[in-house]
Amino acid sequence: NQVVGGDAVFISSQGGLNFYIGNNPESDGRTAVVPGTSAT
């Protein structure tokens, strides 16, 4: 990732986003939608 993208991401970069999906005031524990974004 560092060589190709210039960013030393450990494996993949969606971990924080998935963590926030499951840990925010609007989360129902299962719906995979980021609050404030369209559901696509």
PDB file of all heavy atoms in Angstrom:
ATOM      1  N   ASN A   1       0.821  -1.211   0.000  1.00  0.00           N
ATOM      2  CA  ASN A   1       0.000   0.000   0.000  1.00  0.00           C
ATOM      3  C   ASN A   1       0.855   1.260   0.000  1.00  0.00           C
ATOM      4  O   ASN A   1       0.516   2.255  -0.643  1.00  0.00           O
ATOM      5  CB  ASN A   1      -0.934  -0.002   1.202  1.00  0.00           C
ATOM      6  CG  ASN A   1      -2.027  -1.062   1.091  1.00  0.00           C
ATOM      7  OD1 ASN A   1      -2.347  -1.525   0.002  1.00  0.00           O
ATOM      8  ND2 ASN A   1      -2.589  -1.464   2.231  1.00  0.00           N
ATOM      9  N   GLN A   2       1.950   1.224   0.737  1.00  0.00           N
ATOM     10  CA  GLN A   2       2.859   2.367   0.769  1.00  0.00           C
ATOM     11  C   GLN A   2       3.534   2.584  -0.581  1.00  0.00           C
ATOM     12  O   GLN A   2       3.625   3.713  -1.083  1.00  0.00           O
ATOM     13  CB  GLN A   2       3.921   2.165   1.863  1.00  0.00           C
ATOM     14  CG  GLN A   2       4.987   3.245   1.917  1.00  0.00           C
ATOM     15  CD  GLN A   2       4.416   4.614   2.248  1.00  0.00           C
ATOM     16  OE1 GLN A   2       3.569   4.737   3.131  1.00  0.00           O
ATOM     17  NE2 GLN A   2       4.858   5.644   1.548  1.00  0.00           N
ATOM     18  N   VAL A   3       3.978   1.495  -1.198  1.00  0.00           N
ATOM     19  CA  VAL A   3       4.684   1.608  -2.479  1.00  0.00           C
ATOM     20  C   VAL A   3       3.733   2.055  -3.586  1.00  0.00           C
ATOM     21  O   VAL A   3       4.055   2.948  -4.384  1.00  0.00           O
ATOM     22  CB  VAL A   3       5.340   0.252  -2.842  1.00  0.00           C
ATOM     23  CG1 VAL A   3       5.899   0.291  -4.273  1.00  0.00           C
ATOM     24  CG2 VAL A   3       6.440  -0.077  -1.844  1.00  0.00           C
ATOM     25  N   VAL A   4       2.540   1.464  -3.631  1.00  0.00           N
ATOM     26  CA  VAL A   4       1.613   1.743  -4.732  1.00  0.00           C
ATOM     27  C   VAL A   4       0.814   3.016  -4.487  1.00  0.00           C
ATOM     28  O   VAL A   4       0.622   3.824  -5.395  1.00  0.00           O
ATOM     29  CB  VAL A   4       0.641   0.545  -4.924  1.00  0.00           C
ATOM     30  CG1 VAL A   4      -0.421   0.865  -5.967  1.00  0.00           C
ATOM     31  CG2 VAL A   4       1.428  -0.690  -5.350  1.00  0.00           C
ATOM     32  N   GLY A   5       0.322   3.201  -3.273  1.00  0.00           N
ATOM     33  CA  GLY A   5      -0.568   4.324  -2.993  1.00  0.00           C
ATOM     34  C   GLY A   5       0.037   5.438  -2.168  1.00  0.00           C
ATOM     35  O   GLY A   5      -0.624   6.446  -1.918  1.00  0.00           O
ATOM     36  N   GLY A   6       1.269   5.259  -1.693  1.00  0.00           N
ATOM     37  CA  GLY A   6       1.892   6.285  -0.881  1.00  0.00           C
ATOM     38  C   GLY A   6       1.269   6.438   0.492  1.00  0.00           C
ATOM     39  O   GLY A   6       1.391   7.488   1.134  1.00  0.00           O
ATOM     40  N   ASP A   7       0.590   5.409   0.974  1.00  0.00           N
ATOM     41  CA  ASP A   7      -0.094   5.466   2.263  1.00  0.00           C
ATOM     42  C   ASP A   7       0.059   4.108   2.934  1.00  0.00           C
ATOM     43  O   ASP A   7      -0.438   3.104   2.434  1.00  0.00           O
ATOM     44  CB  ASP A   7      -1.567   5.811   2.049  1.00  0.00           C
ATOM     45  CG  ASP A   7      -2.288   6.129   3.350  1.00  0.00           C
ATOM     46  OD1 ASP A   7      -1.607   6.288   4.385  1.00  0.00           O
ATOM     47  OD2 ASP A   7      -3.528   6.239   3.327  1.00  0.00           O
ATOM     48  N   ALA A   8       0.723   4.072   4.073  1.00  0.00           N
ATOM     49  CA  ALA A   8       1.011   2.806   4.746  1.00  0.00           C
ATOM     50  C   ALA A   8      -0.216   2.315   5.506  1.00  0.00           C
ATOM     51  O   ALA A   8      -0.242   2.235   6.738  1.00  0.00           O
ATOM     52  CB  ALA A   8       2.201   2.959   5.691  1.00  0.00           C
ATOM     53  N   VAL A   9      -1.249   1.959   4.764  1.00  0.00           N
ATOM     54  CA  VAL A   9      -2.475   1.425   5.354  1.00  0.00           C
ATOM     55  C   VAL A   9      -2.252  -0.040   5.714  1.00  0.00           C
ATOM     56  O   VAL A   9      -1.783  -0.821   4.885  1.00  0.00           O
ATOM     57  CB  VAL A   9      -3.652   1.541   4.360  1.00  0.00           C
ATOM     58  CG1 VAL A   9      -4.885   0.839   4.905  1.00  0.00           C
ATOM     59  CG2 VAL A   9      -3.945   3.002   4.061  1.00  0.00           C
ATOM     60  N   PHE A  10      -2.602  -0.413   6.944  1.00  0.00           N
ATOM     61  CA  PHE A  10      -2.472  -1.810   7.348  1.00  0.00           C
ATOM     62  C   PHE A  10      -3.630  -2.607   6.758  1.00  0.00           C
ATOM     63  O   PHE A  10      -4.765  -2.492   7.200  1.00  0.00           O
ATOM     64  CB  PHE A  10      -2.455  -1.933   8.869  1.00  0.00           C
ATOM     65  CG  PHE A  10      -2.289  -3.351   9.351  1.00  0.00           C
ATOM     66  CD1 PHE A  10      -1.109  -4.036   9.132  1.00  0.00           C
ATOM     67  CD2 PHE A  10      -3.314  -4.002  10.008  1.00  0.00           C
ATOM     68  CE1 PHE A  10      -0.943  -5.339   9.563  1.00  0.00           C
ATOM     69  CE2 PHE A  10      -3.171  -5.306  10.459  1.00  0.00           C
ATOM     70  CZ  PHE A  10      -1.978  -5.970  10.232  1.00  0.00           C
ATOM     71  N   ILE A  11      -3.361  -3.365   5.753  1.00  0.00           N
ATOM     72  CA  ILE A  11      -4.276  -4.227   5.000  1.00  0.00           C
ATOM     73  C   ILE A  11      -5.299  -3.410   4.204  1.00  0.00           C
ATOM     74  O   ILE A  11      -5.285  -3.397   2.982  1.00  0.00           O
ATOM     75  CB  ILE A  11      -4.992  -5.261   5.883  1.00  0.00           C
ATOM     76  CG1 ILE A  11      -3.955  -6.156   6.608  1.00  0.00           C
ATOM     77  CG2 ILE A  11      -5.921  -6.122   5.035  1.00  0.00           C
ATOM     78  CD1 ILE A  11      -4.568  -7.239   7.486  1.00  0.00           C
ATOM     79  N   SER A  12      -6.243  -2.747   4.878  1.00  0.00           N
ATOM     80  CA  SER A  12      -7.273  -2.000   4.161  1.00  0.00           C
ATOM     81  C   SER A  12      -7.710  -0.811   5.006  1.00  0.00           C
ATOM     82  O   SER A  12      -7.493  -0.776   6.221  1.00  0.00           O
ATOM     83  CB  SER A  12      -8.474  -2.903   3.846  1.00  0.00           C
ATOM     84  OG  SER A  12      -9.058  -3.377   5.033  1.00  0.00           O
ATOM     85  N   SER A  13      -8.349   0.153   4.335  1.00  0.00           N
ATOM     86  CA  SER A  13      -8.620   1.427   5.004  1.00  0.00           C
ATOM     87  C   SER A  13     -10.070   1.610   5.419  1.00  0.00           C
ATOM     88  O   SER A  13     -10.439   2.705   5.847  1.00  0.00           O
ATOM     89  CB  SER A  13      -8.226   2.583   4.069  1.00  0.00           C
ATOM     90  OG  SER A  13      -8.999   2.553   2.885  1.00  0.00           O
ATOM     91  N   GLN A  14     -10.921   0.589   5.290  1.00  0.00           N
ATOM     92  CA  GLN A  14     -12.320   0.796   5.639  1.00  0.00           C
ATOM     93  C   GLN A  14     -12.629   0.481   7.100  1.00  0.00           C
ATOM     94  O   GLN A  14     -13.784   0.537   7.511  1.00  0.00           O
ATOM     95  CB  GLN A  14     -13.231  -0.030   4.729  1.00  0.00           C
ATOM     96  CG  GLN A  14     -13.294  -1.514   5.047  1.00  0.00           C
ATOM     97  CD  GLN A  14     -12.305  -2.320   4.242  1.00  0.00           C
ATOM     98  OE1 GLN A  14     -11.250  -1.825   3.865  1.00  0.00           O
ATOM     99  NE2 GLN A  14     -12.642  -3.573   3.967  1.00  0.00           N
ATOM    100  N   GLY A  15     -11.614   0.129   7.884  1.00  0.00           N
ATOM    101  CA  GLY A  15     -11.867  -0.247   9.276  1.00  0.00           C
ATOM    102  C   GLY A  15     -12.523   0.855  10.076  1.00  0.00           C
ATOM    103  O   GLY A  15     -13.496   0.614  10.808  1.00  0.00           O
ATOM    104  N   GLY A  16     -12.000   2.087   9.957  1.00  0.00           N
ATOM    105  CA  GLY A  16     -12.573   3.192  10.721  1.00  0.00           C
ATOM    106  C   GLY A  16     -14.005   3.487  10.331  1.00  0.00           C
ATOM    107  O   GLY A  16     -14.857   3.756  11.187  1.00  0.00           O
ATOM    108  N   LEU A  17     -14.288   3.415   9.036  1.00  0.00           N
ATOM    109  CA  LEU A  17     -15.642   3.668   8.558  1.00  0.00           C
ATOM    110  C   LEU A  17     -16.614   2.613   9.086  1.00  0.00           C
ATOM    111  O   LEU A  17     -17.710   2.936   9.561  1.00  0.00           O
ATOM    112  CB  LEU A  17     -15.643   3.673   7.029  1.00  0.00           C
ATOM    113  CG  LEU A  17     -16.862   4.281   6.346  1.00  0.00           C
ATOM    114  CD1 LEU A  17     -17.019   5.741   6.718  1.00  0.00           C
ATOM    115  CD2 LEU A  17     -16.745   4.130   4.837  1.00  0.00           C
ATOM    116  N   ASN A  18     -16.224   1.355   9.017  1.00  0.00           N
ATOM    117  CA  ASN A  18     -17.079   0.284   9.542  1.00  0.00           C
ATOM    118  C   ASN A  18     -17.260   0.404  11.055  1.00  0.00           C
ATOM    119  O   ASN A  18     -18.328   0.087  11.592  1.00  0.00           O
ATOM    120  CB  ASN A  18     -16.491  -1.081   9.180  1.00  0.00           C
ATOM    121  CG  ASN A  18     -16.700  -1.427   7.722  1.00  0.00           C
ATOM    122  OD1 ASN A  18     -17.635  -0.945   7.091  1.00  0.00           O
ATOM    123  ND2 ASN A  18     -15.828  -2.255   7.178  1.00  0.00           N
ATOM    124  N   PHE A  19     -16.211   0.835  11.733  1.00  0.00           N
ATOM    125  CA  PHE A  19     -16.310   1.017  13.182  1.00  0.00           C
ATOM    126  C   PHE A  19     -17.320   2.109  13.512  1.00  0.00           C
ATOM    127  O   PHE A  19     -18.158   1.955  14.417  1.00  0.00           O
ATOM    128  CB  PHE A  19     -14.934   1.367  13.757  1.00  0.00           C
ATOM    129  CG  PHE A  19     -14.915   1.557  15.245  1.00  0.00           C
ATOM    130  CD1 PHE A  19     -15.008   0.471  16.102  1.00  0.00           C
ATOM    131  CD2 PHE A  19     -14.806   2.824  15.792  1.00  0.00           C
ATOM    132  CE1 PHE A  19     -14.996   0.647  17.481  1.00  0.00           C
ATOM    133  CE2 PHE A  19     -14.794   3.015  17.169  1.00  0.00           C
ATOM    134  CZ  PHE A  19     -14.883   1.916  18.010  1.00  0.00           C
ATOM    135  N   TYR A  20     -17.289   3.214  12.757  1.00  0.00           N
ATOM    136  CA  TYR A  20     -18.215   4.312  13.017  1.00  0.00           C
ATOM    137  C   TYR A  20     -19.650   3.918  12.674  1.00  0.00           C
ATOM    138  O   TYR A  20     -20.593   4.317  13.370  1.00  0.00           O
ATOM    139  CB  TYR A  20     -17.793   5.540  12.205  1.00  0.00           C
ATOM    140  CG  TYR A  20     -18.716   6.723  12.379  1.00  0.00           C
ATOM    141  CD1 TYR A  20     -18.934   7.288  13.640  1.00  0.00           C
ATOM    142  CD2 TYR A  20     -19.394   7.272  11.289  1.00  0.00           C
ATOM    143  CE1 TYR A  20     -19.789   8.365  13.801  1.00  0.00           C
ATOM    144  CE2 TYR A  20     -20.245   8.351  11.443  1.00  0.00           C
ATOM    145  CZ  TYR A  20     -20.439   8.892  12.703  1.00  0.00           C
ATOM    146  OH  TYR A  20     -21.296   9.963  12.861  1.00  0.00           O
ATOM    147  N   ILE A  21     -19.841   3.113  11.606  1.00  0.00           N
ATOM    148  CA  ILE A  21     -21.185   2.639  11.263  1.00  0.00           C
ATOM    149  C   ILE A  21     -21.815   1.913  12.445  1.00  0.00           C
ATOM    150  O   ILE A  21     -23.013   2.047  12.711  1.00  0.00           O
ATOM    151  CB  ILE A  21     -21.130   1.718  10.030  1.00  0.00           C
ATOM    152  CG1 ILE A  21     -20.836   2.539   8.769  1.00  0.00           C
ATOM    153  CG2 ILE A  21     -22.427   0.950   9.854  1.00  0.00           C
ATOM    154  CD1 ILE A  21     -20.612   1.687   7.527  1.00  0.00           C
ATOM    155  N   GLY A  22     -21.009   1.149  13.164  1.00  0.00           N
ATOM    156  CA  GLY A  22     -21.522   0.385  14.302  1.00  0.00           C
ATOM    157  C   GLY A  22     -21.394   1.077  15.626  1.00  0.00           C
ATOM    158  O   GLY A  22     -21.745   0.497  16.671  1.00  0.00           O
ATOM    159  N   ASN A  23     -20.926   2.335  15.645  1.00  0.00           N
ATOM    160  CA  ASN A  23     -20.732   3.056  16.902  1.00  0.00           C
ATOM    161  C   ASN A  23     -21.057   4.530  16.706  1.00  0.00           C
ATOM    162  O   ASN A  23     -20.166   5.390  16.676  1.00  0.00           O
ATOM    163  CB  ASN A  23     -19.294   2.897  17.410  1.00  0.00           C
ATOM    164  CG  ASN A  23     -18.937   1.470  17.763  1.00  0.00           C
ATOM    165  OD1 ASN A  23     -19.186   1.009  18.872  1.00  0.00           O
ATOM    166  ND2 ASN A  23     -18.352   0.765  16.811  1.00  0.00           N
ATOM    167  N   ASN A  24     -22.335   4.819  16.552  1.00  0.00           N
ATOM    168  CA  ASN A  24     -22.793   6.195  16.435  1.00  0.00           C
ATOM    169  C   ASN A  24     -24.226   6.275  16.962  1.00  0.00           C
ATOM    170  O   ASN A  24     -24.901   5.247  17.092  1.00  0.00           O
ATOM    171  CB  ASN A  24     -22.697   6.680  14.987  1.00  0.00           C
ATOM    172  CG  ASN A  24     -23.699   6.001  14.073  1.00  0.00           C
ATOM    173  OD1 ASN A  24     -24.877   6.346  14.061  1.00  0.00           O
ATOM    174  ND2 ASN A  24     -23.238   5.008  13.303  1.00  0.00           N
ATOM    175  N   PRO A  25     -24.698   7.478  17.282  1.00  0.00           N
ATOM    176  CA  PRO A  25     -26.035   7.587  17.903  1.00  0.00           C
ATOM    177  C   PRO A  25     -27.167   7.061  17.037  1.00  0.00           C
ATOM    178  O   PRO A  25     -28.219   6.699  17.558  1.00  0.00           O
ATOM    179  CB  PRO A  25     -26.184   9.097  18.144  1.00  0.00           C
ATOM    180  CG  PRO A  25     -24.797   9.637  18.136  1.00  0.00           C
ATOM    181  CD  PRO A  25     -24.012   8.769  17.205  1.00  0.00           C
ATOM    182  N   GLU A  26     -26.997   7.005  15.707  1.00  0.00           N
ATOM    183  CA  GLU A  26     -28.050   6.559  14.803  1.00  0.00           C
ATOM    184  C   GLU A  26     -27.961   5.071  14.467  1.00  0.00           C
ATOM    185  O   GLU A  26     -28.823   4.544  13.772  1.00  0.00           O
ATOM    186  CB  GLU A  26     -28.008   7.375  13.502  1.00  0.00           C
ATOM    187  CG  GLU A  26     -28.213   8.864  13.698  1.00  0.00           C
ATOM    188  CD  GLU A  26     -28.111   9.630  12.394  1.00  0.00           C
ATOM    189  OE1 GLU A  26     -28.507   9.076  11.345  1.00  0.00           O
ATOM    190  OE2 GLU A  26     -27.623  10.776  12.420  1.00  0.00           O
ATOM    191  N   SER A  27     -26.939   4.388  14.941  1.00  0.00           N
ATOM    192  CA  SER A  27     -26.741   2.981  14.578  1.00  0.00           C
ATOM    193  C   SER A  27     -27.809   2.098  15.199  1.00  0.00           C
ATOM    194  O   SER A  27     -28.196   2.283  16.360  1.00  0.00           O
ATOM    195  CB  SER A  27     -25.358   2.509  15.037  1.00  0.00           C
ATOM    196  OG  SER A  27     -25.198   1.130  14.805  1.00  0.00           O
ATOM    197  N   ASP A  28     -28.278   1.128  14.415  1.00  0.00           N
ATOM    198  CA  ASP A  28     -29.187   0.118  14.955  1.00  0.00           C
ATOM    199  C   ASP A  28     -28.480  -1.220  15.147  1.00  0.00           C
ATOM    200  O   ASP A  28     -29.117  -2.231  15.417  1.00  0.00           O
ATOM    201  CB  ASP A  28     -30.405  -0.058  14.035  1.00  0.00           C
ATOM    202  CG  ASP A  28     -30.025  -0.548  12.643  1.00  0.00           C
ATOM    203  OD1 ASP A  28     -28.823  -0.758  12.375  1.00  0.00           O
ATOM    204  OD2 ASP A  28     -30.932  -0.721  11.808  1.00  0.00           O
ATOM    205  N   GLY A  29     -27.164  -1.228  14.983  1.00  0.00           N
ATOM    206  CA  GLY A  29     -26.383  -2.437  15.205  1.00  0.00           C
ATOM    207  C   GLY A  29     -26.225  -3.317  13.993  1.00  0.00           C
ATOM    208  O   GLY A  29     -25.453  -4.279  14.029  1.00  0.00           O
ATOM    209  N   ARG A  30     -26.937  -3.016  12.887  1.00  0.00           N
ATOM    210  CA  ARG A  30     -26.877  -3.905  11.742  1.00  0.00           C
ATOM    211  C   ARG A  30     -26.879  -3.187  10.382  1.00  0.00           C
ATOM    212  O   ARG A  30     -26.360  -3.728   9.413  1.00  0.00           O
ATOM    213  CB  ARG A  30     -28.044  -4.894  11.758  1.00  0.00           C
ATOM    214  CG  ARG A  30     -29.414  -4.276  11.681  1.00  0.00           C
ATOM    215  CD  ARG A  30     -30.490  -5.350  11.506  1.00  0.00           C
ATOM    216  NE  ARG A  30     -30.365  -6.015  10.232  1.00  0.00           N
ATOM    217  CZ  ARG A  30     -31.034  -5.671   9.150  1.00  0.00           C
ATOM    218  NH1 ARG A  30     -31.881  -4.655   9.190  1.00  0.00           N
ATOM    219  NH2 ARG A  30     -30.878  -6.332   8.034  1.00  0.00           N
ATOM    220  N   THR A  31     -27.471  -1.997  10.269  1.00  0.00           N
ATOM    221  CA  THR A  31     -27.581  -1.327   8.974  1.00  0.00           C
ATOM    222  C   THR A  31     -26.248  -0.717   8.575  1.00  0.00           C
ATOM    223  O   THR A  31     -25.687   0.101   9.310  1.00  0.00           O
ATOM    224  CB  THR A  31     -28.663  -0.236   9.016  1.00  0.00           C
ATOM    225  OG1 THR A  31     -29.901  -0.837   9.415  1.00  0.00           O
ATOM    226  CG2 THR A  31     -28.826   0.407   7.649  1.00  0.00           C
ATOM    227  N   ALA A  32     -25.756  -1.097   7.398  1.00  0.00           N
ATOM    228  CA  ALA A  32     -24.424  -0.675   6.955  1.00  0.00           C
ATOM    229  C   ALA A  32     -24.499   0.614   6.149  1.00  0.00           C
ATOM    230  O   ALA A  32     -24.141   0.658   4.969  1.00  0.00           O
ATOM    231  CB  ALA A  32     -23.777  -1.782   6.121  1.00  0.00           C
ATOM    232  N   VAL A  33     -24.976   1.685   6.774  1.00  0.00           N
ATOM    233  CA  VAL A  33     -25.064   2.989   6.123  1.00  0.00           C
ATOM    234  C   VAL A  33     -24.400   4.020   7.021  1.00  0.00           C
ATOM    235  O   VAL A  33     -24.680   4.086   8.226  1.00  0.00           O
ATOM    236  CB  VAL A  33     -26.531   3.379   5.847  1.00  0.00           C
ATOM    237  CG1 VAL A  33     -26.613   4.788   5.269  1.00  0.00           C
ATOM    238  CG2 VAL A  33     -27.178   2.385   4.896  1.00  0.00           C
ATOM    239  N   VAL A  34     -23.534   4.846   6.433  1.00  0.00           N
ATOM    240  CA  VAL A  34     -22.873   5.904   7.188  1.00  0.00           C
ATOM    241  C   VAL A  34     -23.874   7.027   7.416  1.00  0.00           C
ATOM    242  O   VAL A  34     -24.496   7.502   6.451  1.00  0.00           O
ATOM    243  CB  VAL A  34     -21.650   6.444   6.417  1.00  0.00           C
ATOM    244  CG1 VAL A  34     -20.926   7.502   7.242  1.00  0.00           C
ATOM    245  CG2 VAL A  34     -20.710   5.307   6.058  1.00  0.00           C
ATOM    246  N   PRO A  35     -24.093   7.488   8.647  1.00  0.00           N
ATOM    247  CA  PRO A  35     -25.032   8.585   8.882  1.00  0.00           C
ATOM    248  C   PRO A  35     -24.683   9.806   8.048  1.00  0.00           C
ATOM    249  O   PRO A  35     -23.517  10.214   7.954  1.00  0.00           O
ATOM    250  CB  PRO A  35     -24.851   8.870  10.381  1.00  0.00           C
ATOM    251  CG  PRO A  35     -24.344   7.597  10.961  1.00  0.00           C
ATOM    252  CD  PRO A  35     -23.486   6.983   9.893  1.00  0.00           C
ATOM    253  N   GLY A  36     -25.700  10.359   7.394  1.00  0.00           N
ATOM    254  CA  GLY A  36     -25.495  11.545   6.574  1.00  0.00           C
ATOM    255  C   GLY A  36     -25.188  11.269   5.124  1.00  0.00           C
ATOM    256  O   GLY A  36     -25.022  12.217   4.342  1.00  0.00           O
ATOM    257  N   THR A  37     -25.112   9.997   4.722  1.00  0.00           N
ATOM    258  CA  THR A  37     -24.845   9.660   3.327  1.00  0.00           C
ATOM    259  C   THR A  37     -26.061   8.957   2.734  1.00  0.00           C
ATOM    260  O   THR A  37     -26.912   8.458   3.452  1.00  0.00           O
ATOM    261  CB  THR A  37     -23.618   8.745   3.181  1.00  0.00           C
ATOM    262  OG1 THR A  37     -23.907   7.456   3.745  1.00  0.00           O
ATOM    263  CG2 THR A  37     -22.413   9.327   3.898  1.00  0.00           C
ATOM    264  N   SER A  38     -26.118   8.902   1.391  1.00  0.00           N
ATOM    265  CA  SER A  38     -27.199   8.174   0.736  1.00  0.00           C
ATOM    266  C   SER A  38     -26.953   6.684   0.882  1.00  0.00           C
ATOM    267  O   SER A  38     -25.819   6.225   0.994  1.00  0.00           O
ATOM    268  CB  SER A  38     -27.281   8.551  -0.750  1.00  0.00           C
ATOM    269  OG  SER A  38     -26.070   8.262  -1.417  1.00  0.00           O
ATOM    270  N   ALA A  39     -28.043   5.915   0.860  1.00  0.00           N
ATOM    271  CA  ALA A  39     -27.957   4.477   1.118  1.00  0.00           C
ATOM    272  C   ALA A  39     -27.600   3.695  -0.138  1.00  0.00           C
ATOM    273  O   ALA A  39     -28.306   2.793  -0.567  1.00  0.00           O
ATOM    274  CB  ALA A  39     -29.284   3.975   1.686  1.00  0.00           C
ATOM    275  N   THR A  40     -26.484   4.068  -0.754  1.00  0.00           N
ATOM    276  CA  THR A  40     -25.962   3.333  -1.902  1.00  0.00           C
ATOM    277  C   THR A  40     -24.495   3.054  -1.643  1.00  0.00           C
ATOM    278  O   THR A  40     -23.845   3.716  -0.827  1.00  0.00           O
ATOM    279  CB  THR A  40     -26.101   4.120  -3.217  1.00  0.00           C
ATOM    280  OG1 THR A  40     -25.308   5.323  -3.132  1.00  0.00           O
ATOM    281  CG2 THR A  40     -27.555   4.504  -3.474  1.00  0.00           C
TER     282      THR A  40
END
